[in-house]
Amino acid sequence: IEPVFMQDGQHYTEVEAEQIGLTTRSRSQIRVDQIRQITAFLQQP
């Protein structure tokens, strides 16, 4: 899991955002749905 930017409902890592020329005013951050992904991952053996 790494901090991401959100643009039009899509997550972009810092590298991906730079590659597509995405400019943002905010910092990348861990999103709620990423935390849900962690929870689901931990529920599986």
All heavy atoms as atom14 arrays in JSON, in Angstrom:
{
  "sequence": "IEPVFMQDGQHYTEVEAEQIGLTTRSRSQIRVDQIRQITAFLQQP",
  "atom14_mask": [
    [1, 1, 1, 1, 1, 1, 1, 1, 0, 0, 0, 0, 0, 0],
    [1, 1, 1, 1, 1, 1, 1, 1, 1, 0, 0, 0, 0, 0],
    [1, 1, 1, 1, 1, 1, 1, 0, 0, 0, 0, 0, 0, 0],
    [1, 1, 1, 1, 1, 1, 1, 0, 0, 0, 0, 0, 0, 0],
    [1, 1, 1, 1, 1, 1, 1, 1, 1, 1, 1, 0, 0, 0],
    [1, 1, 1, 1, 1, 1, 1, 1, 0, 0, 0, 0, 0, 0],
    [1, 1, 1, 1, 1, 1, 1, 1, 1, 0, 0, 0, 0, 0],
    [1, 1, 1, 1, 1, 1, 1, 1, 0, 0, 0, 0, 0, 0],
    [1, 1, 1, 1, 0, 0, 0, 0, 0, 0, 0, 0, 0, 0],
    [1, 1, 1, 1, 1, 1, 1, 1, 1, 0, 0, 0, 0, 0],
    [1, 1, 1, 1, 1, 1, 1, 1, 1, 1, 0, 0, 0, 0],
    [1, 1, 1, 1, 1, 1, 1, 1, 1, 1, 1, 1, 0, 0],
    [1, 1, 1, 1, 1, 1, 1, 0, 0, 0, 0, 0, 0, 0],
    [1, 1, 1, 1, 1, 1, 1, 1, 1, 0, 0, 0, 0, 0],
    [1, 1, 1, 1, 1, 1, 1, 0, 0, 0, 0, 0, 0, 0],
    [1, 1, 1, 1, 1, 1, 1, 1, 1, 0, 0, 0, 0, 0],
    [1, 1, 1, 1, 1, 0, 0, 0, 0, 0, 0, 0, 0, 0],
    [1, 1, 1, 1, 1, 1, 1, 1, 1, 0, 0, 0, 0, 0],
    [1, 1, 1, 1, 1, 1, 1, 1, 1, 0, 0, 0, 0, 0],
    [1, 1, 1, 1, 1, 1, 1, 1, 0, 0, 0, 0, 0, 0],
    [1, 1, 1, 1, 0, 0, 0, 0, 0, 0, 0, 0, 0, 0],
    [1, 1, 1, 1, 1, 1, 1, 1, 0, 0, 0, 0, 0, 0],
    [1, 1, 1, 1, 1, 1, 1, 0, 0, 0, 0, 0, 0, 0],
    [1, 1, 1, 1, 1, 1, 1, 0, 0, 0, 0, 0, 0, 0],
    [1, 1, 1, 1, 1, 1, 1, 1, 1, 1, 1, 0, 0, 0],
    [1, 1, 1, 1, 1, 1, 0, 0, 0, 0, 0, 0, 0, 0],
    [1, 1, 1, 1, 1, 1, 1, 1, 1, 1, 1, 0, 0, 0],
    [1, 1, 1, 1, 1, 1, 0, 0, 0, 0, 0, 0, 0, 0],
    [1, 1, 1, 1, 1, 1, 1, 1, 1, 0, 0, 0, 0, 0],
    [1, 1, 1, 1, 1, 1, 1, 1, 0, 0, 0, 0, 0, 0],
    [1, 1, 1, 1, 1, 1, 1, 1, 1, 1, 1, 0, 0, 0],
    [1, 1, 1, 1, 1, 1, 1, 0, 0, 0, 0, 0, 0, 0],
    [1, 1, 1, 1, 1, 1, 1, 1, 0, 0, 0, 0, 0, 0],
    [1, 1, 1, 1, 1, 1, 1, 1, 1, 0, 0, 0, 0, 0],
    [1, 1, 1, 1, 1, 1, 1, 1, 0, 0, 0, 0, 0, 0],
    [1, 1, 1, 1, 1, 1, 1, 1, 1, 1, 1, 0, 0, 0],
    [1, 1, 1, 1, 1, 1, 1, 1, 1, 0, 0, 0, 0, 0],
    [1, 1, 1, 1, 1, 1, 1, 1, 0, 0, 0, 0, 0, 0],
    [1, 1, 1, 1, 1, 1, 1, 0, 0, 0, 0, 0, 0, 0],
    [1, 1, 1, 1, 1, 0, 0, 0, 0, 0, 0, 0, 0, 0],
    [1, 1, 1, 1, 1, 1, 1, 1, 1, 1, 1, 0, 0, 0],
    [1, 1, 1, 1, 1, 1, 1, 1, 0, 0, 0, 0, 0, 0],
    [1, 1, 1, 1, 1, 1, 1, 1, 1, 0, 0, 0, 0, 0],
    [1, 1, 1, 1, 1, 1, 1, 1, 1, 0, 0, 0, 0, 0],
    [1, 1, 1, 1, 1, 1, 1, 0, 0, 0, 0, 0, 0, 0]
  ],
  "atom14_positions": [
    [[0.86, -1.18, 0.0], [0.0, 0.0, 0.0], [0.89, 1.23, 0.0], [1.84, 1.32, 0.78], [-0.91, 0.03, 1.25], [-1.81, -1.21, 1.31], [-1.73, 1.31, 1.31], [-2.89, -1.25, 0.26], [0.0, 0.0, 0.0], [0.0, 0.0, 0.0], [0.0, 0.0, 0.0], [0.0, 0.0, 0.0], [0.0, 0.0, 0.0], [0.0, 0.0, 0.0]],
    [[0.59, 2.18, -0.87], [1.34, 3.43, -0.88], [0.38, 4.59, -1.08], [-0.71, 4.41, -1.63], [2.42, 3.42, -1.95], [1.93, 3.27, -3.36], [3.08, 3.2, -4.35], [3.86, 4.15, -4.43], [3.17, 2.17, -5.04], [0.0, 0.0, 0.0], [0.0, 0.0, 0.0], [0.0, 0.0, 0.0], [0.0, 0.0, 0.0], [0.0, 0.0, 0.0]],
    [[0.76, 5.77, -0.63], [-0.1, 6.94, -0.79], [-0.39, 7.19, -2.27], [0.48, 6.98, -3.12], [0.72, 8.08, -0.2], [1.72, 7.42, 0.68], [2.0, 6.1, 0.06], [0.0, 0.0, 0.0], [0.0, 0.0, 0.0], [0.0, 0.0, 0.0], [0.0, 0.0, 0.0], [0.0, 0.0, 0.0], [0.0, 0.0, 0.0], [0.0, 0.0, 0.0]],
    [[-1.59, 7.61, -2.56], [-2.0, 7.85, -3.94], [-2.7, 9.2, -4.07], [-3.18, 9.77, -3.09], [-2.92, 6.73, -4.46], [-2.19, 5.41, -4.57], [-4.16, 6.59, -3.62], [0.0, 0.0, 0.0], [0.0, 0.0, 0.0], [0.0, 0.0, 0.0], [0.0, 0.0, 0.0], [0.0, 0.0, 0.0], [0.0, 0.0, 0.0], [0.0, 0.0, 0.0]],
    [[-2.76, 9.68, -5.29], [-3.58, 10.83, -5.64], [-4.89, 10.3, -6.19], [-4.95, 9.2, -6.73], [-2.91, 11.68, -6.73], [-1.62, 12.31, -6.3], [-0.4, 11.78, -6.71], [-1.6, 13.44, -5.5], [0.79, 12.35, -6.33], [-0.41, 14.02, -5.1], [0.78, 13.47, -5.53], [0.0, 0.0, 0.0], [0.0, 0.0, 0.0], [0.0, 0.0, 0.0]],
    [[-5.95, 11.08, -6.07], [-7.25, 10.68, -6.59], [-7.66, 11.67, -7.67], [-7.65, 12.89, -7.43], [-8.28, 10.67, -5.47], [-9.57, 10.09, -5.85], [-9.57, 8.43, -5.23], [-11.28, 8.16, -5.04], [0.0, 0.0, 0.0], [0.0, 0.0, 0.0], [0.0, 0.0, 0.0], [0.0, 0.0, 0.0], [0.0, 0.0, 0.0], [0.0, 0.0, 0.0]],
    [[-7.99, 11.16, -8.84], [-8.43, 12.01, -9.95], [-9.53, 11.28, -10.69], [-9.32, 10.17, -11.19], [-7.25, 12.29, -10.9], [-7.59, 13.1, -12.12], [-7.7, 14.58, -11.79], [-7.15, 15.06, -10.81], [-8.42, 15.3, -12.62], [0.0, 0.0, 0.0], [0.0, 0.0, 0.0], [0.0, 0.0, 0.0], [0.0, 0.0, 0.0], [0.0, 0.0, 0.0]],
    [[-10.72, 11.85, -10.74], [-11.87, 11.24, -11.43], [-12.14, 9.82, -10.96], [-12.42, 8.93, -11.76], [-11.66, 11.26, -12.95], [-11.53, 12.68, -13.5], [-12.21, 13.58, -12.97], [-10.76, 12.88, -14.45], [0.0, 0.0, 0.0], [0.0, 0.0, 0.0], [0.0, 0.0, 0.0], [0.0, 0.0, 0.0], [0.0, 0.0, 0.0], [0.0, 0.0, 0.0]],
    [[-12.03, 9.58, -9.65], [-12.32, 8.28, -9.09], [-11.23, 7.24, -9.27], [-11.4, 6.09, -8.9], [0.0, 0.0, 0.0], [0.0, 0.0, 0.0], [0.0, 0.0, 0.0], [0.0, 0.0, 0.0], [0.0, 0.0, 0.0], [0.0, 0.0, 0.0], [0.0, 0.0, 0.0], [0.0, 0.0, 0.0], [0.0, 0.0, 0.0], [0.0, 0.0, 0.0]],
    [[-10.11, 7.62, -9.84], [-8.99, 6.71, -10.06], [-7.84, 7.04, -9.12], [-7.61, 8.21, -8.82], [-8.48, 6.82, -11.51], [-9.49, 6.41, -12.55], [-9.72, 4.91, -12.54], [-8.83, 4.13, -12.22], [-10.93, 4.51, -12.88], [0.0, 0.0, 0.0], [0.0, 0.0, 0.0], [0.0, 0.0, 0.0], [0.0, 0.0, 0.0], [0.0, 0.0, 0.0]],
    [[-7.13, 6.02, -8.68], [-5.94, 6.21, -7.85], [-4.71, 6.25, -8.73], [-4.59, 5.46, -9.66], [-5.77, 5.06, -6.87], [-6.79, 5.04, -5.79], [-6.77, 4.1, -4.81], [-7.85, 5.82, -5.51], [-7.77, 4.3, -3.98], [-8.44, 5.35, -4.4], [0.0, 0.0, 0.0], [0.0, 0.0, 0.0], [0.0, 0.0, 0.0], [0.0, 0.0, 0.0]],
    [[-3.81, 7.15, -8.41], [-2.54, 7.25, -9.13], [-1.41, 7.38, -8.11], [-1.46, 8.25, -7.25], [-2.52, 8.48, -10.04], [-3.56, 8.43, -11.13], [-4.77, 9.09, -10.99], [-3.33, 7.72, -12.3], [-5.73, 9.05, -11.98], [-4.29, 7.67, -13.3], [-5.49, 8.33, -13.13], [-6.44, 8.28, -14.12], [0.0, 0.0, 0.0], [0.0, 0.0, 0.0]],
    [[-0.41, 6.52, -8.23], [0.76, 6.66, -7.39], [1.52, 7.9, -7.85], [1.22, 8.47, -8.9], [1.69, 5.43, -7.51], [2.18, 5.35, -8.85], [0.96, 4.16, -7.12], [0.0, 0.0, 0.0], [0.0, 0.0, 0.0], [0.0, 0.0, 0.0], [0.0, 0.0, 0.0], [0.0, 0.0, 0.0], [0.0, 0.0, 0.0], [0.0, 0.0, 0.0]],
    [[2.5, 8.31, -7.08], [3.27, 9.49, -7.46], [3.94, 9.3, -8.81], [3.97, 10.21, -9.64], [4.29, 9.82, -6.37], [3.63, 10.34, -5.11], [4.62, 10.81, -4.07], [5.72, 11.24, -4.44], [4.27, 10.77, -2.88], [0.0, 0.0, 0.0], [0.0, 0.0, 0.0], [0.0, 0.0, 0.0], [0.0, 0.0, 0.0], [0.0, 0.0, 0.0]],
    [[4.46, 8.1, -9.05], [5.12, 7.81, -10.33], [4.12, 7.85, -11.48], [4.37, 8.46, -12.53], [5.83, 6.43, -10.28], [6.34, 6.02, -11.65], [6.95, 6.45, -9.26], [0.0, 0.0, 0.0], [0.0, 0.0, 0.0], [0.0, 0.0, 0.0], [0.0, 0.0, 0.0], [0.0, 0.0, 0.0], [0.0, 0.0, 0.0], [0.0, 0.0, 0.0]],
    [[2.96, 7.23, -11.29], [1.93, 7.24, -12.33], [1.44, 8.65, -12.61], [1.25, 9.03, -13.77], [0.76, 6.36, -11.91], [1.08, 4.89, -11.85], [-0.02, 4.07, -11.18], [-0.82, 4.63, -10.4], [-0.05, 2.87, -11.44], [0.0, 0.0, 0.0], [0.0, 0.0, 0.0], [0.0, 0.0, 0.0], [0.0, 0.0, 0.0], [0.0, 0.0, 0.0]],
    [[1.23, 9.44, -11.56], [0.77, 10.81, -11.73], [1.78, 11.63, -12.53], [1.42, 12.42, -13.4], [0.51, 11.46, -10.37], [0.0, 0.0, 0.0], [0.0, 0.0, 0.0], [0.0, 0.0, 0.0], [0.0, 0.0, 0.0], [0.0, 0.0, 0.0], [0.0, 0.0, 0.0], [0.0, 0.0, 0.0], [0.0, 0.0, 0.0], [0.0, 0.0, 0.0]],
    [[3.04, 11.42, -12.23], [4.1, 12.13, -12.96], [4.13, 11.7, -14.42], [4.28, 12.53, -15.32], [5.44, 11.84, -12.3], [6.58, 12.65, -12.85], [7.86, 12.39, -12.09], [7.88, 12.63, -10.87], [8.83, 11.94, -12.73], [0.0, 0.0, 0.0], [0.0, 0.0, 0.0], [0.0, 0.0, 0.0], [0.0, 0.0, 0.0], [0.0, 0.0, 0.0]],
    [[3.95, 10.42, -14.69], [3.99, 9.89, -16.05], [2.87, 10.45, -16.92], [3.08, 10.7, -18.11], [3.93, 8.37, -16.05], [5.18, 7.7, -15.56], [5.03, 6.19, -15.44], [3.93, 5.65, -15.47], [6.16, 5.52, -15.28], [0.0, 0.0, 0.0], [0.0, 0.0, 0.0], [0.0, 0.0, 0.0], [0.0, 0.0, 0.0], [0.0, 0.0, 0.0]],
    [[1.69, 10.63, -16.34], [0.57, 11.13, -17.13], [0.42, 12.66, -17.05], [-0.48, 13.22, -17.65], [-0.76, 10.45, -16.74], [-1.16, 10.79, -15.3], [-0.69, 8.97, -16.98], [-2.56, 10.35, -14.94], [0.0, 0.0, 0.0], [0.0, 0.0, 0.0], [0.0, 0.0, 0.0], [0.0, 0.0, 0.0], [0.0, 0.0, 0.0], [0.0, 0.0, 0.0]],
    [[1.3, 13.29, -16.31], [1.27, 14.75, -16.2], [0.17, 15.28, -15.31], [-0.28, 16.41, -15.47], [0.0, 0.0, 0.0], [0.0, 0.0, 0.0], [0.0, 0.0, 0.0], [0.0, 0.0, 0.0], [0.0, 0.0, 0.0], [0.0, 0.0, 0.0], [0.0, 0.0, 0.0], [0.0, 0.0, 0.0], [0.0, 0.0, 0.0], [0.0, 0.0, 0.0]],
    [[-0.26, 14.49, -14.35], [-1.3, 14.9, -13.42], [-0.75, 15.92, -12.44], [0.27, 15.69, -11.81], [-1.82, 13.67, -12.66], [-2.92, 13.9, -11.63], [-4.19, 14.37, -12.32], [-3.17, 12.63, -10.84], [0.0, 0.0, 0.0], [0.0, 0.0, 0.0], [0.0, 0.0, 0.0], [0.0, 0.0, 0.0], [0.0, 0.0, 0.0], [0.0, 0.0, 0.0]],
    [[-1.41, 17.04, -12.34], [-0.99, 18.06, -11.37], [-2.08, 18.15, -10.31], [-3.26, 18.17, -10.6], [-0.8, 19.44, -12.03], [-2.01, 19.81, -12.69], [0.32, 19.4, -13.04], [0.0, 0.0, 0.0], [0.0, 0.0, 0.0], [0.0, 0.0, 0.0], [0.0, 0.0, 0.0], [0.0, 0.0, 0.0], [0.0, 0.0, 0.0], [0.0, 0.0, 0.0]],
    [[-1.65, 18.18, -9.06], [-2.59, 18.25, -7.96], [-2.15, 19.32, -6.97], [-0.98, 19.68, -6.93], [-2.68, 16.9, -7.21], [-1.42, 16.63, -6.63], [-3.09, 15.78, -8.15], [0.0, 0.0, 0.0], [0.0, 0.0, 0.0], [0.0, 0.0, 0.0], [0.0, 0.0, 0.0], [0.0, 0.0, 0.0], [0.0, 0.0, 0.0], [0.0, 0.0, 0.0]],
    [[-3.09, 19.77, -6.2], [-2.78, 20.75, -5.16], [-2.58, 20.09, -3.81], [-2.13, 20.7, -2.87], [-3.92, 21.77, -5.05], [-4.03, 22.65, -6.28], [-5.17, 23.58, -6.12], [-6.39, 22.76, -6.22], [-7.53, 23.16, -6.72], [-7.65, 24.38, -7.14], [-8.56, 22.36, -6.78], [0.0, 0.0, 0.0], [0.0, 0.0, 0.0], [0.0, 0.0, 0.0]],
    [[-2.94, 18.82, -3.72], [-2.83, 18.12, -2.44], [-1.72, 17.08, -2.49], [-1.22, 16.73, -3.55], [-4.16, 17.44, -2.1], [-4.45, 16.47, -3.07], [0.0, 0.0, 0.0], [0.0, 0.0, 0.0], [0.0, 0.0, 0.0], [0.0, 0.0, 0.0], [0.0, 0.0, 0.0], [0.0, 0.0, 0.0], [0.0, 0.0, 0.0], [0.0, 0.0, 0.0]],
    [[-1.39, 16.59, -1.31], [-0.38, 15.54, -1.2], [-1.04, 14.19, -1.45], [-2.24, 14.03, -1.25], [0.23, 15.53, 0.19], [1.01, 16.75, 0.52], [1.59, 16.73, 1.91], [1.37, 15.48, 2.63], [2.0, 15.13, 3.71], [2.88, 15.92, 4.23], [1.74, 14.0, 4.32], [0.0, 0.0, 0.0], [0.0, 0.0, 0.0], [0.0, 0.0, 0.0]],
    [[-0.23, 13.22, -1.84], [-0.76, 11.86, -1.95], [-1.04, 11.34, -0.54], [-0.41, 11.78, 0.42], [0.24, 10.96, -2.68], [1.45, 10.9, -1.97], [0.0, 0.0, 0.0], [0.0, 0.0, 0.0], [0.0, 0.0, 0.0], [0.0, 0.0, 0.0], [0.0, 0.0, 0.0], [0.0, 0.0, 0.0], [0.0, 0.0, 0.0], [0.0, 0.0, 0.0]],
    [[-2.0, 10.44, -0.42], [-2.36, 9.93, 0.9], [-2.96, 8.53, 0.8], [-3.38, 8.11, -0.27], [-3.33, 10.87, 1.59], [-4.59, 11.17, 0.81], [-5.44, 12.22, 1.49], [-5.73, 12.12, 2.67], [-5.84, 13.23, 0.75], [0.0, 0.0, 0.0], [0.0, 0.0, 0.0], [0.0, 0.0, 0.0], [0.0, 0.0, 0.0], [0.0, 0.0, 0.0]],
    [[-2.95, 7.83, 1.92], [-3.6, 6.53, 2.0], [-5.1, 6.78, 2.04], [-5.58, 7.58, 2.85], [-3.15, 5.76, 3.27], [-1.63, 5.6, 3.31], [-3.86, 4.41, 3.36], [-1.04, 4.71, 2.27], [0.0, 0.0, 0.0], [0.0, 0.0, 0.0], [0.0, 0.0, 0.0], [0.0, 0.0, 0.0], [0.0, 0.0, 0.0], [0.0, 0.0, 0.0]],
    [[-5.85, 6.1, 1.19], [-7.29, 6.32, 1.07], [-8.08, 5.29, 1.87], [-7.59, 4.21, 2.17], [-7.71, 6.23, -0.41], [-6.96, 7.15, -1.33], [-7.31, 8.58, -1.07], [-6.46, 9.47, -1.85], [-6.69, 10.73, -2.03], [-7.74, 11.29, -1.5], [-5.86, 11.48, -2.73], [0.0, 0.0, 0.0], [0.0, 0.0, 0.0], [0.0, 0.0, 0.0]],
    [[-9.33, 5.61, 2.18], [-10.19, 4.73, 2.96], [-10.35, 3.38, 2.26], [-10.3, 2.33, 2.91], [-11.57, 5.38, 3.21], [-12.54, 4.39, 3.82], [-11.42, 6.61, 4.09], [0.0, 0.0, 0.0], [0.0, 0.0, 0.0], [0.0, 0.0, 0.0], [0.0, 0.0, 0.0], [0.0, 0.0, 0.0], [0.0, 0.0, 0.0], [0.0, 0.0, 0.0]],
    [[-10.51, 3.38, 0.95], [-10.68, 2.11, 0.27], [-9.41, 1.25, 0.31], [-9.48, 0.02, 0.25], [-11.19, 2.28, -1.16], [-10.33, 3.16, -2.01], [-9.69, 4.08, -1.49], [-10.29, 2.94, -3.24], [0.0, 0.0, 0.0], [0.0, 0.0, 0.0], [0.0, 0.0, 0.0], [0.0, 0.0, 0.0], [0.0, 0.0, 0.0], [0.0, 0.0, 0.0]],
    [[-8.26, 1.88, 0.47], [-7.03, 1.11, 0.65], [-7.02, 0.43, 2.02], [-6.56, -0.69, 2.15], [-5.8, 2.0, 0.49], [-5.58, 2.47, -0.94], [-4.44, 3.45, -1.03], [-4.55, 4.58, -0.55], [-3.34, 3.01, -1.62], [0.0, 0.0, 0.0], [0.0, 0.0, 0.0], [0.0, 0.0, 0.0], [0.0, 0.0, 0.0], [0.0, 0.0, 0.0]],
    [[-7.54, 1.11, 3.03], [-7.66, 0.52, 4.36], [-8.63, -0.66, 4.31], [-8.39, -1.71, 4.91], [-8.12, 1.56, 5.41], [-7.13, 2.73, 5.48], [-8.33, 0.92, 6.77], [-5.7, 2.34, 5.81], [0.0, 0.0, 0.0], [0.0, 0.0, 0.0], [0.0, 0.0, 0.0], [0.0, 0.0, 0.0], [0.0, 0.0, 0.0], [0.0, 0.0, 0.0]],
    [[-9.71, -0.51, 3.56], [-10.65, -1.63, 3.39], [-9.97, -2.8, 2.68], [-10.24, -3.96, 2.99], [-11.87, -1.16, 2.61], [-12.74, -0.22, 3.41], [-14.0, 0.15, 2.65], [-14.77, 1.07, 3.45], [-15.17, 2.28, 3.04], [-14.88, 2.69, 1.81], [-15.86, 3.06, 3.83], [0.0, 0.0, 0.0], [0.0, 0.0, 0.0], [0.0, 0.0, 0.0]],
    [[-9.1, -2.51, 1.74], [-8.35, -3.54, 1.04], [-7.46, -4.3, 2.03], [-7.34, -5.53, 1.96], [-7.52, -2.91, -0.07], [-6.77, -3.88, -0.92], [-5.94, -3.17, -1.99], [-5.81, -1.95, -2.01], [-5.37, -3.96, -2.87], [0.0, 0.0, 0.0], [0.0, 0.0, 0.0], [0.0, 0.0, 0.0], [0.0, 0.0, 0.0], [0.0, 0.0, 0.0]],
    [[-6.84, -3.59, 2.96], [-6.01, -4.22, 3.99], [-6.87, -5.15, 4.84], [-6.48, -6.3, 5.12], [-5.32, -3.17, 4.87], [-4.26, -2.42, 4.07], [-4.7, -3.81, 6.11], [-3.69, -1.21, 4.78], [0.0, 0.0, 0.0], [0.0, 0.0, 0.0], [0.0, 0.0, 0.0], [0.0, 0.0, 0.0], [0.0, 0.0, 0.0], [0.0, 0.0, 0.0]],
    [[-8.03, -4.68, 5.27], [-8.93, -5.47, 6.09], [-9.33, -6.76, 5.38], [-9.29, -7.85, 5.96], [-10.18, -4.66, 6.46], [-9.78, -3.47, 7.14], [-11.12, -5.44, 7.36], [0.0, 0.0, 0.0], [0.0, 0.0, 0.0], [0.0, 0.0, 0.0], [0.0, 0.0, 0.0], [0.0, 0.0, 0.0], [0.0, 0.0, 0.0], [0.0, 0.0, 0.0]],
    [[-9.71, -6.65, 4.12], [-10.1, -7.83, 3.34], [-8.92, -8.79, 3.18], [-9.08, -10.02, 3.28], [-10.63, -7.4, 1.98], [0.0, 0.0, 0.0], [0.0, 0.0, 0.0], [0.0, 0.0, 0.0], [0.0, 0.0, 0.0], [0.0, 0.0, 0.0], [0.0, 0.0, 0.0], [0.0, 0.0, 0.0], [0.0, 0.0, 0.0], [0.0, 0.0, 0.0]],
    [[-7.73, -8.25, 2.95], [-6.54, -9.07, 2.78], [-6.23, -9.86, 4.06], [-5.89, -11.04, 4.01], [-5.36, -8.17, 2.4], [-4.07, -8.89, 2.18], [-3.84, -9.58, 1.01], [-3.06, -8.88, 3.14], [-2.64, -10.26, 0.79], [-1.87, -9.53, 2.94], [-1.66, -10.23, 1.76], [0.0, 0.0, 0.0], [0.0, 0.0, 0.0], [0.0, 0.0, 0.0]],
    [[-6.38, -9.21, 5.21], [-6.08, -9.85, 6.48], [-7.11, -10.91, 6.88], [-6.84, -11.77, 7.71], [-5.95, -8.81, 7.59], [-4.71, -7.94, 7.51], [-4.76, -6.85, 8.57], [-3.45, -8.78, 7.65], [0.0, 0.0, 0.0], [0.0, 0.0, 0.0], [0.0, 0.0, 0.0], [0.0, 0.0, 0.0], [0.0, 0.0, 0.0], [0.0, 0.0, 0.0]],
    [[-8.29, -10.84, 6.3], [-9.32, -11.83, 6.61], [-9.09, -13.16, 5.9], [-9.71, -14.15, 6.24], [-10.7, -11.28, 6.26], [-11.12, -10.16, 7.17], [-12.43, -9.53, 6.77], [-12.99, -9.8, 5.71], [-12.95, -8.65, 7.63], [0.0, 0.0, 0.0], [0.0, 0.0, 0.0], [0.0, 0.0, 0.0], [0.0, 0.0, 0.0], [0.0, 0.0, 0.0]],
    [[-8.19, -13.18, 4.93], [-7.89, -14.4, 4.19], [-6.63, -15.04, 4.77], [-5.68, -14.34, 5.1], [-7.65, -14.09, 2.72], [-8.81, -13.41, 2.05], [-8.45, -12.94, 0.65], [-7.4, -13.25, 0.13], [-9.33, -12.18, 0.06], [0.0, 0.0, 0.0], [0.0, 0.0, 0.0], [0.0, 0.0, 0.0], [0.0, 0.0, 0.0], [0.0, 0.0, 0.0]],
    [[-6.59, -16.36, 4.86], [-5.36, -17.02, 5.34], [-4.26, -16.91, 4.28], [-4.55, -16.84, 3.08], [-5.8, -18.47, 5.54], [-6.97, -18.65, 4.65], [-7.65, -17.31, 4.57], [0.0, 0.0, 0.0], [0.0, 0.0, 0.0], [0.0, 0.0, 0.0], [0.0, 0.0, 0.0], [0.0, 0.0, 0.0], [0.0, 0.0, 0.0], [0.0, 0.0, 0.0]]
  ]
}
